[in-house]
Amino acid sequence: MTMTVRIAAIAALAMLASGCSSIREHRGYIGEATLLAAIQPGIDDKDSVTGTLGHPTFTSQFGRETWYYISSTTFQKPFTTPRIRQHSVLAIQFDAKGNVASAMRSGMEHVVHIHPDSDRTPTLGKERGFFEDLFGNIGKVGSFGAGGPQGGDGGGGPNGS
């Protein structure tokens, strides 16, 4: 083989190998560990937390006021589904005066992996076929009687009264 063919083959293999590498993607809050550790219960309040960490990913809607800072790092090999490799949640609870009551950290131990049974959502009721969907309402239009959907007596209520 000539030197040019060898160089071209090595370059082609290098490009193919780089296409097989994993894709790393960060999702959510980007924070530094020193800033996250700086939040102290009894010392900080909402303003100092916002000044240190910024606005939360989301806040609680019920119960004690809690701010959540969530981040995830996923890896994806070519032609596969992304998988979470790193996950962290910082939950900061506030008391009635707006001071930090607690700051709890959690990680991958609380991640739940959901594996659906199929790509169809089960529903209650009768399974209808294609032709039933297509022709199912034939003959049902106008089957309420002469008075419309309320019945023949023309009553105003849902039960004809």
Foldseek 3Di string as FASTA:
>chain_A
DDPVVVVVVVVVVVVVVVLQAKDKDKDFFDDDPVLLVPQDAPPAFPVVNCVRRNAAPDWDDDDFTKGKGKMWMWIGGPPDDIDTDKIKIWIFTADPVRTTHDIDMDIPVPDDDDDDPDPDDDDDDDDDDPVCVVCVCVPVVPPQDDLPVLHDVVADDVVRD
